[in-house]
Each structure stands twice: as structure tokens, then as C-alpha cells.
Amino acid sequence: MDYGVDVPLHICLALDLAVLKTVAGRLRDWADIQRIIQRSGETMDWDLVYEELEPLLALAYKEEHLPRLKSMVEEEYPAGT
């Protein structure tokens, strides 16, 4: 995509950002994740996010972050609605 600048502009997908911020898990990251959920929640492939996160969170000894993320997504987009 051309952004009208003379240098390449590298960006990441919302999915990648959600994964990165969930692994980091700082207070500010959770606020950012909430906004990611609100902006791309229903179009985001959350199952892929969870799949990508599981091994990374295990390596970082932060497995407790996955249930928190799932809860945030479910709260914003309850199943069956």
C-alpha cells in the first residue's frame, strides 16, 4: 500500500499486536488490547490468536494471560450474539 512517503512503512497486523501485547502483559498493554478487541473484535481470528499465544506464553511463564484475554474477548463479544 502506498502511504505517500518516500521510505517503506512497515506495519504489523492487529493479530500480531494482540499477541505481542498479551505476552508483555503490562497495565498499558491490557488497555491497548481492549481497544484492539473493540476495533477488530468480530473480524479478528481469535482462535488463531489463542493458538499463537499458547507456546509463547508457556515460554514466558505467563500462561495466566490467556484466560484473561479470552475473558476480555468474551465480555466484548459474548458467544451466540
N, C-alpha and C. Protein backbone atom coordinates (compact mmCIF):
# COMPACT_ATOMS: atom_id res chain seq x y z
N MET A 1 0.84 -1.17 0.00
CA MET A 1 0.00 0.00 0.00
C MET A 1 0.89 1.24 0.00
N ASP A 2 0.54 2.21 -0.78
CA ASP A 2 1.31 3.45 -0.88
C ASP A 2 0.74 4.48 0.11
N TYR A 3 1.58 4.89 1.05
CA TYR A 3 1.17 5.88 2.06
C TYR A 3 1.67 7.29 1.71
N GLY A 4 2.26 7.45 0.51
CA GLY A 4 2.70 8.76 0.09
C GLY A 4 3.98 9.22 0.75
N VAL A 5 4.79 8.31 1.24
CA VAL A 5 6.08 8.67 1.82
C VAL A 5 7.18 8.02 0.99
N ASP A 6 8.38 8.58 1.07
CA ASP A 6 9.48 8.08 0.26
C ASP A 6 10.24 6.91 0.89
N VAL A 7 9.85 6.49 2.06
CA VAL A 7 10.51 5.37 2.73
C VAL A 7 9.47 4.29 3.01
N PRO A 8 9.92 3.04 3.02
CA PRO A 8 8.96 1.97 3.33
C PRO A 8 8.39 2.13 4.74
N LEU A 9 7.11 1.88 4.87
CA LEU A 9 6.45 1.94 6.16
C LEU A 9 6.03 0.52 6.52
N HIS A 10 6.68 -0.04 7.53
CA HIS A 10 6.39 -1.41 7.95
C HIS A 10 5.40 -1.38 9.10
N ILE A 11 4.33 -2.13 8.95
CA ILE A 11 3.32 -2.18 10.00
C ILE A 11 3.04 -3.65 10.34
N CYS A 12 2.39 -3.88 11.45
CA CYS A 12 2.03 -5.24 11.81
C CYS A 12 0.51 -5.37 11.81
N LEU A 13 0.05 -6.59 11.71
CA LEU A 13 -1.38 -6.86 11.76
C LEU A 13 -1.89 -6.72 13.19
N ALA A 14 -3.17 -6.46 13.33
CA ALA A 14 -3.78 -6.38 14.66
C ALA A 14 -3.58 -7.69 15.43
N LEU A 15 -3.62 -8.80 14.71
CA LEU A 15 -3.40 -10.11 15.33
C LEU A 15 -2.01 -10.16 15.98
N ASP A 16 -1.00 -9.71 15.24
CA ASP A 16 0.37 -9.72 15.76
C ASP A 16 0.51 -8.80 16.98
N LEU A 17 -0.14 -7.66 16.90
CA LEU A 17 -0.08 -6.71 18.01
C LEU A 17 -0.78 -7.27 19.25
N ALA A 18 -1.91 -7.94 19.05
CA ALA A 18 -2.62 -8.55 20.17
C ALA A 18 -1.76 -9.62 20.83
N VAL A 19 -1.07 -10.41 20.02
CA VAL A 19 -0.18 -11.44 20.57
C VAL A 19 0.96 -10.79 21.36
N LEU A 20 1.62 -9.83 20.77
CA LEU A 20 2.74 -9.15 21.42
C LEU A 20 2.33 -8.52 22.75
N LYS A 21 1.22 -7.82 22.73
CA LYS A 21 0.78 -7.11 23.94
C LYS A 21 0.30 -8.08 25.02
N THR A 22 -0.30 -9.21 24.61
CA THR A 22 -0.72 -10.20 25.60
C THR A 22 0.48 -10.83 26.28
N VAL A 23 1.51 -11.13 25.52
CA VAL A 23 2.72 -11.70 26.12
C VAL A 23 3.36 -10.70 27.08
N ALA A 24 3.46 -9.44 26.68
CA ALA A 24 4.06 -8.43 27.55
C ALA A 24 3.23 -8.26 28.82
N GLY A 25 1.92 -8.07 28.65
CA GLY A 25 1.00 -8.07 29.78
C GLY A 25 1.15 -6.94 30.79
N ARG A 26 1.70 -5.82 30.36
CA ARG A 26 1.79 -4.69 31.28
C ARG A 26 0.43 -4.00 31.37
N LEU A 27 0.23 -3.15 32.34
CA LEU A 27 -1.05 -2.48 32.52
C LEU A 27 -1.46 -1.74 31.25
N ARG A 28 -0.55 -1.02 30.66
CA ARG A 28 -0.83 -0.27 29.43
C ARG A 28 -1.18 -1.22 28.28
N ASP A 29 -0.53 -2.40 28.23
CA ASP A 29 -0.80 -3.37 27.18
C ASP A 29 -2.25 -3.86 27.25
N TRP A 30 -2.75 -4.10 28.46
CA TRP A 30 -4.13 -4.58 28.60
C TRP A 30 -5.12 -3.51 28.14
N ALA A 31 -4.81 -2.25 28.38
CA ALA A 31 -5.67 -1.17 27.89
C ALA A 31 -5.63 -1.14 26.36
N ASP A 32 -4.46 -1.33 25.78
CA ASP A 32 -4.33 -1.37 24.32
C ASP A 32 -5.08 -2.57 23.74
N ILE A 33 -4.98 -3.71 24.41
CA ILE A 33 -5.67 -4.92 23.96
C ILE A 33 -7.18 -4.68 23.95
N GLN A 34 -7.69 -3.99 24.96
CA GLN A 34 -9.12 -3.70 25.00
C GLN A 34 -9.54 -2.92 23.76
N ARG A 35 -8.73 -1.96 23.37
CA ARG A 35 -9.04 -1.18 22.17
C ARG A 35 -8.93 -2.03 20.90
N ILE A 36 -7.96 -2.93 20.85
CA ILE A 36 -7.84 -3.84 19.71
C ILE A 36 -9.08 -4.70 19.61
N ILE A 37 -9.55 -5.22 20.73
CA ILE A 37 -10.76 -6.04 20.76
C ILE A 37 -11.96 -5.23 20.25
N GLN A 38 -12.08 -4.01 20.71
CA GLN A 38 -13.21 -3.18 20.31
C GLN A 38 -13.17 -2.83 18.82
N ARG A 39 -12.00 -2.59 18.30
CA ARG A 39 -11.88 -2.16 16.90
C ARG A 39 -11.91 -3.32 15.90
N SER A 40 -11.39 -4.47 16.28
CA SER A 40 -11.30 -5.57 15.31
C SER A 40 -11.86 -6.88 15.85
N GLY A 41 -12.55 -6.81 16.97
CA GLY A 41 -13.01 -7.99 17.68
C GLY A 41 -13.70 -9.05 16.86
N GLU A 42 -14.78 -8.71 16.18
CA GLU A 42 -15.55 -9.73 15.47
C GLU A 42 -14.89 -10.18 14.18
N THR A 43 -14.01 -9.37 13.61
CA THR A 43 -13.32 -9.78 12.39
C THR A 43 -11.99 -10.48 12.69
N MET A 44 -11.51 -10.36 13.91
CA MET A 44 -10.25 -10.98 14.31
C MET A 44 -10.43 -12.50 14.42
N ASP A 45 -9.45 -13.24 13.98
CA ASP A 45 -9.45 -14.69 14.15
C ASP A 45 -8.89 -15.00 15.53
N TRP A 46 -9.76 -14.93 16.54
CA TRP A 46 -9.31 -15.09 17.92
C TRP A 46 -8.77 -16.48 18.19
N ASP A 47 -9.30 -17.50 17.51
CA ASP A 47 -8.77 -18.86 17.69
C ASP A 47 -7.30 -18.91 17.26
N LEU A 48 -6.97 -18.21 16.18
CA LEU A 48 -5.57 -18.16 15.74
C LEU A 48 -4.72 -17.39 16.75
N VAL A 49 -5.25 -16.30 17.28
CA VAL A 49 -4.53 -15.54 18.32
C VAL A 49 -4.22 -16.46 19.50
N TYR A 50 -5.22 -17.19 19.97
CA TYR A 50 -5.02 -18.09 21.11
C TYR A 50 -4.01 -19.18 20.79
N GLU A 51 -4.08 -19.71 19.56
CA GLU A 51 -3.15 -20.76 19.13
C GLU A 51 -1.71 -20.23 19.10
N GLU A 52 -1.55 -19.03 18.59
CA GLU A 52 -0.22 -18.42 18.53
C GLU A 52 0.32 -18.12 19.94
N LEU A 53 -0.57 -17.74 20.83
CA LEU A 53 -0.17 -17.33 22.17
C LEU A 53 0.27 -18.48 23.06
N GLU A 54 -0.39 -19.61 22.96
CA GLU A 54 -0.13 -20.70 23.92
C GLU A 54 1.35 -21.04 24.09
N PRO A 55 2.08 -21.33 23.02
CA PRO A 55 3.50 -21.67 23.23
C PRO A 55 4.33 -20.48 23.69
N LEU A 56 4.00 -19.29 23.22
CA LEU A 56 4.76 -18.10 23.63
C LEU A 56 4.57 -17.81 25.12
N LEU A 57 3.33 -17.91 25.57
CA LEU A 57 3.06 -17.66 26.99
C LEU A 57 3.72 -18.73 27.87
N ALA A 58 3.76 -19.96 27.39
CA ALA A 58 4.42 -21.02 28.14
C ALA A 58 5.92 -20.73 28.27
N LEU A 59 6.53 -20.28 27.18
CA LEU A 59 7.96 -19.95 27.22
C LEU A 59 8.24 -18.79 28.17
N ALA A 60 7.30 -17.86 28.25
CA ALA A 60 7.48 -16.68 29.10
C ALA A 60 6.96 -16.89 30.52
N TYR A 61 6.47 -18.10 30.80
CA TYR A 61 5.87 -18.41 32.12
C TYR A 61 4.74 -17.43 32.46
N LYS A 62 3.91 -17.13 31.46
CA LYS A 62 2.81 -16.19 31.64
C LYS A 62 1.49 -16.81 31.16
N GLU A 63 1.30 -18.09 31.42
CA GLU A 63 0.11 -18.79 30.95
C GLU A 63 -1.18 -18.16 31.43
N GLU A 64 -1.13 -17.44 32.55
CA GLU A 64 -2.33 -16.82 33.12
C GLU A 64 -2.87 -15.68 32.24
N HIS A 65 -2.08 -15.23 31.29
CA HIS A 65 -2.54 -14.15 30.41
C HIS A 65 -3.60 -14.61 29.42
N LEU A 66 -3.55 -15.90 29.02
CA LEU A 66 -4.51 -16.38 28.02
C LEU A 66 -5.95 -16.36 28.55
N PRO A 67 -6.24 -16.88 29.73
CA PRO A 67 -7.61 -16.78 30.23
C PRO A 67 -8.09 -15.33 30.37
N ARG A 68 -7.19 -14.45 30.73
CA ARG A 68 -7.56 -13.03 30.86
C ARG A 68 -7.97 -12.47 29.50
N LEU A 69 -7.19 -12.76 28.46
CA LEU A 69 -7.52 -12.30 27.12
C LEU A 69 -8.85 -12.89 26.66
N LYS A 70 -9.02 -14.19 26.85
CA LYS A 70 -10.27 -14.84 26.44
C LYS A 70 -11.47 -14.21 27.13
N SER A 71 -11.31 -13.90 28.39
CA SER A 71 -12.39 -13.27 29.15
C SER A 71 -12.72 -11.89 28.59
N MET A 72 -11.70 -11.13 28.23
CA MET A 72 -11.92 -9.79 27.67
C MET A 72 -12.66 -9.88 26.33
N VAL A 73 -12.27 -10.84 25.50
CA VAL A 73 -12.92 -11.00 24.20
C VAL A 73 -14.36 -11.44 24.40
N GLU A 74 -14.59 -12.39 25.28
CA GLU A 74 -15.95 -12.90 25.55
C GLU A 74 -16.83 -11.80 26.13
N GLU A 75 -16.26 -10.96 26.97
CA GLU A 75 -17.03 -9.87 27.56
C GLU A 75 -17.49 -8.87 26.49
N GLU A 76 -16.63 -8.62 25.53
CA GLU A 76 -16.96 -7.67 24.46
C GLU A 76 -17.88 -8.29 23.41
N TYR A 77 -17.65 -9.56 23.11
CA TYR A 77 -18.41 -10.27 22.08
C TYR A 77 -18.89 -11.61 22.62
N PRO A 78 -19.95 -11.59 23.44
CA PRO A 78 -20.46 -12.85 24.01
C PRO A 78 -20.81 -13.87 22.92
N ALA A 79 -20.54 -15.12 23.20
CA ALA A 79 -20.84 -16.19 22.24
C ALA A 79 -22.33 -16.21 21.92
N GLY A 80 -22.62 -16.40 20.66
CA GLY A 80 -24.02 -16.50 20.24
C GLY A 80 -24.72 -15.18 20.00
N THR A 81 -23.97 -14.06 20.08
CA THR A 81 -24.62 -12.77 19.81
C THR A 81 -24.15 -12.20 18.50
